[in-house]
C-alpha cells in the first residue's frame, strides 16, 4: 500500500469511496442522499485541504482529509472501501494524516465520528469530549465528538 496526496482529479473517486463506506453501515438511502453534500469531495476541497489517499497498486481504497477550524484542526474525512475494511488501512491513513497535522504545528485533531466508528478512534487514542446531535428524519442520532492528541506522549 502506498499513500499519496490527492489531486483535484481524484475528487470523483474519493466521493465514491465516501459514499460506499457510509452505505456499509446500512443507513437508509434517504439519509445517504441527505448526507451527500458532506460526503462529496470537490476538486476545490482537495486544493485547499490536506488530503491523503491510500492506494493498492494504483487503485484508491481509502482517504483522509483535514480542515482547519480557527484554532481547531478537524478530521473531515476518513473513509475506506468496505472490501478493504479491517486490514489496518484506516489506522495507517490516520497515522499519515496525523503526520500532516503535526508538520503544520497542530497538537490535536477533533473528530466528529459516526457512532459506528467511535471504537476505531478510541483505539487510536481518542478521548470523547462531547456530543453533537445529528437528526436525519427526526431519529435523534447523536455523534461522538472526540479529540486525538497528535503529539507523542512524554
C-alpha atoms as a PDB file:
ATOM      1  CA  UNK A   1       0.000   0.000   0.000  1.00  0.00           C
ATOM      2  CA  UNK A   2       1.184   3.492  -0.732  1.00  0.00           C
ATOM      3  CA  UNK A   3      -0.009   6.918   0.353  1.00  0.00           C
ATOM      4  CA  UNK A   4      -0.183   9.905  -1.961  1.00  0.00           C
ATOM      5  CA  UNK A   5      -1.514  13.421  -1.696  1.00  0.00           C
ATOM      6  CA  UNK A   6      -4.824  13.741  -3.502  1.00  0.00           C
ATOM      7  CA  UNK A   7      -5.021  15.818  -6.659  1.00  0.00           C
ATOM      8  CA  UNK A   8      -8.185  17.561  -7.916  1.00  0.00           C
ATOM      9  CA  UNK A   9      -8.734  14.794 -10.495  1.00  0.00           C
ATOM     10  CA  UNK A  10      -9.232  12.332  -7.579  1.00  0.00           C
ATOM     11  CA  UNK A  11     -12.418  14.086  -6.402  1.00  0.00           C
ATOM     12  CA  UNK A  12     -14.991  11.803  -8.068  1.00  0.00           C
ATOM     13  CA  UNK A  13     -13.221   8.632  -6.934  1.00  0.00           C
ATOM     14  CA  UNK A  14     -12.889   9.889  -3.356  1.00  0.00           C
ATOM     15  CA  UNK A  15     -16.582  10.793  -3.338  1.00  0.00           C
ATOM     16  CA  UNK A  16     -17.397   7.255  -4.487  1.00  0.00           C
ATOM     17  CA  UNK A  17     -15.302   5.818  -1.640  1.00  0.00           C
ATOM     18  CA  UNK A  18     -17.022   8.045   0.953  1.00  0.00           C
ATOM     19  CA  UNK A  19     -20.490   7.033  -0.238  1.00  0.00           C
ATOM     20  CA  UNK A  20     -19.608   3.319  -0.339  1.00  0.00           C
ATOM     21  CA  UNK A  21     -18.098   3.413   3.147  1.00  0.00           C
ATOM     22  CA  UNK A  22     -21.116   5.229   4.612  1.00  0.00           C
ATOM     23  CA  UNK A  23     -23.502   2.757   2.951  1.00  0.00           C
ATOM     24  CA  UNK A  24     -21.560  -0.092   4.558  1.00  0.00           C
ATOM     25  CA  UNK A  25     -23.261   0.715   7.872  1.00  0.00           C
ATOM     26  CA  UNK A  26     -26.733   0.088   6.431  1.00  0.00           C
ATOM     27  CA  UNK A  27     -28.072   3.621   6.607  1.00  0.00           C
ATOM     28  CA  UNK A  28     -31.273   4.279   4.624  1.00  0.00           C
ATOM     29  CA  UNK A  29     -30.722   5.756   1.169  1.00  0.00           C
ATOM     30  CA  UNK A  30     -32.710   8.828   2.213  1.00  0.00           C
ATOM     31  CA  UNK A  31     -30.043   9.552   4.829  1.00  0.00           C
ATOM     32  CA  UNK A  32     -27.232   8.969   2.330  1.00  0.00           C
ATOM     33  CA  UNK A  33     -28.934  11.441  -0.018  1.00  0.00           C
ATOM     34  CA  UNK A  34     -29.231  13.973   2.818  1.00  0.00           C
ATOM     35  CA  UNK A  35     -25.548  13.495   3.658  1.00  0.00           C
ATOM     36  CA  UNK A  36     -24.436  13.713   0.004  1.00  0.00           C
ATOM     37  CA  UNK A  37     -23.024  17.260   0.334  1.00  0.00           C
ATOM     38  CA  UNK A  38     -20.860  16.212   3.306  1.00  0.00           C
ATOM     39  CA  UNK A  39     -19.758  13.029   1.506  1.00  0.00           C
ATOM     40  CA  UNK A  40     -18.877  14.834  -1.722  1.00  0.00           C
ATOM     41  CA  UNK A  41     -15.247  15.728  -2.281  1.00  0.00           C
ATOM     42  CA  UNK A  42     -14.698  18.519  -4.798  1.00  0.00           C
ATOM     43  CA  UNK A  43     -11.545  19.500  -6.659  1.00  0.00           C
ATOM     44  CA  UNK A  44     -11.617  22.775  -4.695  1.00  0.00           C
ATOM     45  CA  UNK A  45     -11.735  20.878  -1.385  1.00  0.00           C
ATOM     46  CA  UNK A  46      -8.646  18.908  -2.414  1.00  0.00           C
ATOM     47  CA  UNK A  47      -6.837  22.085  -3.485  1.00  0.00           C
ATOM     48  CA  UNK A  48      -7.464  23.777  -0.133  1.00  0.00           C
ATOM     49  CA  UNK A  49      -7.292  20.911   2.404  1.00  0.00           C
ATOM     50  CA  UNK A  50      -4.624  18.280   3.032  1.00  0.00           C
ATOM     51  CA  UNK A  51      -5.993  15.013   1.660  1.00  0.00           C
ATOM     52  CA  UNK A  52      -4.118  11.700   1.694  1.00  0.00           C
ATOM     53  CA  UNK A  53      -5.122   8.725  -0.463  1.00  0.00           C
ATOM     54  CA  UNK A  54      -4.340   5.069   0.315  1.00  0.00           C
ATOM     55  CA  UNK A  55      -3.684   3.115  -2.874  1.00  0.00           C
ATOM     56  CA  UNK A  56      -3.303  -0.574  -3.568  1.00  0.00           C
ATOM     57  CA  UNK A  57      -1.269  -0.651  -6.762  1.00  0.00           C
ATOM     58  CA  UNK A  58      -2.754   2.496  -8.349  1.00  0.00           C
ATOM     59  CA  UNK A  59      -6.319   1.920  -7.122  1.00  0.00           C
ATOM     60  CA  UNK A  60      -7.592   4.298  -4.374  1.00  0.00           C
ATOM     61  CA  UNK A  61      -9.026   2.259  -1.487  1.00  0.00           C
ATOM     62  CA  UNK A  62      -9.391   4.974   1.141  1.00  0.00           C
ATOM     63  CA  UNK A  63      -8.611   8.565   2.023  1.00  0.00           C
ATOM     64  CA  UNK A  64      -8.366  11.026   4.881  1.00  0.00           C
ATOM     65  CA  UNK A  65      -8.570  14.823   4.930  1.00  0.00           C
ATOM     66  CA  UNK A  66      -8.070  17.611   7.442  1.00  0.00           C
ATOM     67  CA  UNK A  67      -9.701  21.009   7.719  1.00  0.00           C
ATOM     68  CA  UNK A  68      -8.693  23.874   9.966  1.00  0.00           C
ATOM     69  CA  UNK A  69     -11.438  25.365  12.062  1.00  0.00           C
ATOM     70  CA  UNK A  70      -9.961  28.519  13.530  1.00  0.00           C
ATOM     71  CA  UNK A  71      -7.927  27.209  16.421  1.00  0.00           C
ATOM     72  CA  UNK A  72      -9.116  23.602  15.986  1.00  0.00           C
ATOM     73  CA  UNK A  73      -7.976  21.057  13.409  1.00  0.00           C
ATOM     74  CA  UNK A  74     -10.690  18.627  12.289  1.00  0.00           C
ATOM     75  CA  UNK A  75     -10.530  15.241  10.640  1.00  0.00           C
ATOM     76  CA  UNK A  76     -13.088  15.970   7.940  1.00  0.00           C
ATOM     77  CA  UNK A  77     -12.896  12.611   6.145  1.00  0.00           C
ATOM     78  CA  UNK A  78     -11.538   9.154   6.823  1.00  0.00           C
ATOM     79  CA  UNK A  79     -13.104   6.526   4.588  1.00  0.00           C
ATOM     80  CA  UNK A  80     -12.055   3.063   3.453  1.00  0.00           C
ATOM     81  CA  UNK A  81     -13.818   0.984   0.818  1.00  0.00           C
ATOM     82  CA  UNK A  82     -15.805  -1.764   2.570  1.00  0.00           C
ATOM     83  CA  UNK A  83     -13.888  -4.553   0.793  1.00  0.00           C
ATOM     84  CA  UNK A  84     -10.685  -3.224   2.396  1.00  0.00           C
ATOM     85  CA  UNK A  85     -12.001  -2.567   5.927  1.00  0.00           C
ATOM     86  CA  UNK A  86     -10.398  -4.473   8.774  1.00  0.00           C
ATOM     87  CA  UNK A  87      -6.940  -4.580   7.157  1.00  0.00           C
ATOM     88  CA  UNK A  88      -5.327  -1.691   9.039  1.00  0.00           C
ATOM     89  CA  UNK A  89      -5.802   0.796   6.210  1.00  0.00           C
ATOM     90  CA  UNK A  90      -7.890   3.188   8.328  1.00  0.00           C
ATOM     91  CA  UNK A  91      -5.266   3.197  11.092  1.00  0.00           C
ATOM     92  CA  UNK A  92      -2.481   3.745   8.563  1.00  0.00           C
ATOM     93  CA  UNK A  93      -4.453   6.570   6.898  1.00  0.00           C
ATOM     94  CA  UNK A  94      -4.988   8.228  10.248  1.00  0.00           C
ATOM     95  CA  UNK A  95      -1.273   7.969  11.027  1.00  0.00           C
ATOM     96  CA  UNK A  96      -0.409   9.514   7.639  1.00  0.00           C
ATOM     97  CA  UNK A  97      -2.826  12.416   8.008  1.00  0.00           C
ATOM     98  CA  UNK A  98      -1.683  12.935  11.630  1.00  0.00           C
ATOM     99  CA  UNK A  99       1.853  13.450  10.301  1.00  0.00           C
ATOM    100  CA  UNK A 100       0.479  16.225   8.083  1.00  0.00           C
ATOM    101  CA  UNK A 101      -1.263  17.837  11.066  1.00  0.00           C
ATOM    102  CA  UNK A 102       1.843  17.635  13.247  1.00  0.00           C
ATOM    103  CA  UNK A 103       4.019  19.071  10.480  1.00  0.00           C
ATOM    104  CA  UNK A 104       1.619  22.036  10.285  1.00  0.00           C
ATOM    105  CA  UNK A 105       2.071  22.635  14.019  1.00  0.00           C
ATOM    106  CA  UNK A 106      -1.176  21.189  15.383  1.00  0.00           C
ATOM    107  CA  UNK A 107      -1.141  19.304  18.676  1.00  0.00           C
ATOM    108  CA  UNK A 108      -4.564  17.652  18.406  1.00  0.00           C
ATOM    109  CA  UNK A 109      -7.335  16.906  15.942  1.00  0.00           C
ATOM    110  CA  UNK A 110     -11.094  16.906  16.517  1.00  0.00           C
ATOM    111  CA  UNK A 111     -13.178  14.051  15.132  1.00  0.00           C
ATOM    112  CA  UNK A 112     -16.954  14.190  14.872  1.00  0.00           C
ATOM    113  CA  UNK A 113     -17.410  10.471  14.498  1.00  0.00           C
ATOM    114  CA  UNK A 114     -20.063   8.264  13.060  1.00  0.00           C
ATOM    115  CA  UNK A 115     -21.292   6.216  16.041  1.00  0.00           C
ATOM    116  CA  UNK A 116     -20.138   3.028  14.275  1.00  0.00           C
ATOM    117  CA  UNK A 117     -16.564   4.375  14.074  1.00  0.00           C
ATOM    118  CA  UNK A 118     -16.159   5.633  17.638  1.00  0.00           C
ATOM    119  CA  UNK A 119     -14.454   2.434  18.817  1.00  0.00           C
ATOM    120  CA  UNK A 120     -11.944   2.740  15.981  1.00  0.00           C
ATOM    121  CA  UNK A 121     -10.962   6.246  17.085  1.00  0.00           C
ATOM    122  CA  UNK A 122     -10.853   5.273  20.762  1.00  0.00           C
ATOM    123  CA  UNK A 123      -8.377   2.503  19.835  1.00  0.00           C
ATOM    124  CA  UNK A 124      -6.262   5.211  18.175  1.00  0.00           C
ATOM    125  CA  UNK A 125      -6.092   7.059  21.488  1.00  0.00           C
ATOM    126  CA  UNK A 126      -9.014   9.457  21.059  1.00  0.00           C
ATOM    127  CA  UNK A 127     -11.000  10.639  24.037  1.00  0.00           C
ATOM    128  CA  UNK A 128     -14.632  11.682  23.973  1.00  0.00           C
ATOM    129  CA  UNK A 129     -15.039  15.389  24.705  1.00  0.00           C
ATOM    130  CA  UNK A 130     -18.693  15.860  23.817  1.00  0.00           C
ATOM    131  CA  UNK A 131     -21.597  15.026  21.544  1.00  0.00           C
ATOM    132  CA  UNK A 132     -23.264  16.595  18.544  1.00  0.00           C
ATOM    133  CA  UNK A 133     -26.880  15.979  17.596  1.00  0.00           C
ATOM    134  CA  UNK A 134     -27.433  14.844  14.035  1.00  0.00           C
ATOM    135  CA  UNK A 135     -31.098  14.345  13.362  1.00  0.00           C
ATOM    136  CA  UNK A 136     -31.853  12.805   9.966  1.00  0.00           C
ATOM    137  CA  UNK A 137     -35.576  12.303   9.670  1.00  0.00           C
ATOM    138  CA  UNK A 138     -36.118  13.003  13.384  1.00  0.00           C
ATOM    139  CA  UNK A 139     -34.291   9.915  14.678  1.00  0.00           C
ATOM    140  CA  UNK A 140     -32.332  11.714  17.410  1.00  0.00           C
ATOM    141  CA  UNK A 141     -28.942  10.448  16.276  1.00  0.00           C
ATOM    142  CA  UNK A 142     -26.017  11.566  18.466  1.00  0.00           C
ATOM    143  CA  UNK A 143     -22.467  11.798  17.146  1.00  0.00           C
ATOM    144  CA  UNK A 144     -19.493  11.457  19.485  1.00  0.00           C
ATOM    145  CA  UNK A 145     -17.088  14.411  19.435  1.00  0.00           C
ATOM    146  CA  UNK A 146     -13.568  13.130  20.018  1.00  0.00           C
ATOM    147  CA  UNK A 147     -10.135  14.644  20.422  1.00  0.00           C
ATOM    148  CA  UNK A 148      -6.929  12.891  19.378  1.00  0.00           C
ATOM    149  CA  UNK A 149      -3.556  14.071  20.608  1.00  0.00           C
ATOM    150  CA  UNK A 150      -1.115  14.373  17.702  1.00  0.00           C
ATOM    151  CA  UNK A 151       1.951  14.857  19.885  1.00  0.00           C
ATOM    152  CA  UNK A 152       3.909  11.862  21.130  1.00  0.00           C
ATOM    153  CA  UNK A 153       3.474  11.183  24.841  1.00  0.00           C
ATOM    154  CA  UNK A 154       6.382  12.140  27.024  1.00  0.00           C
END
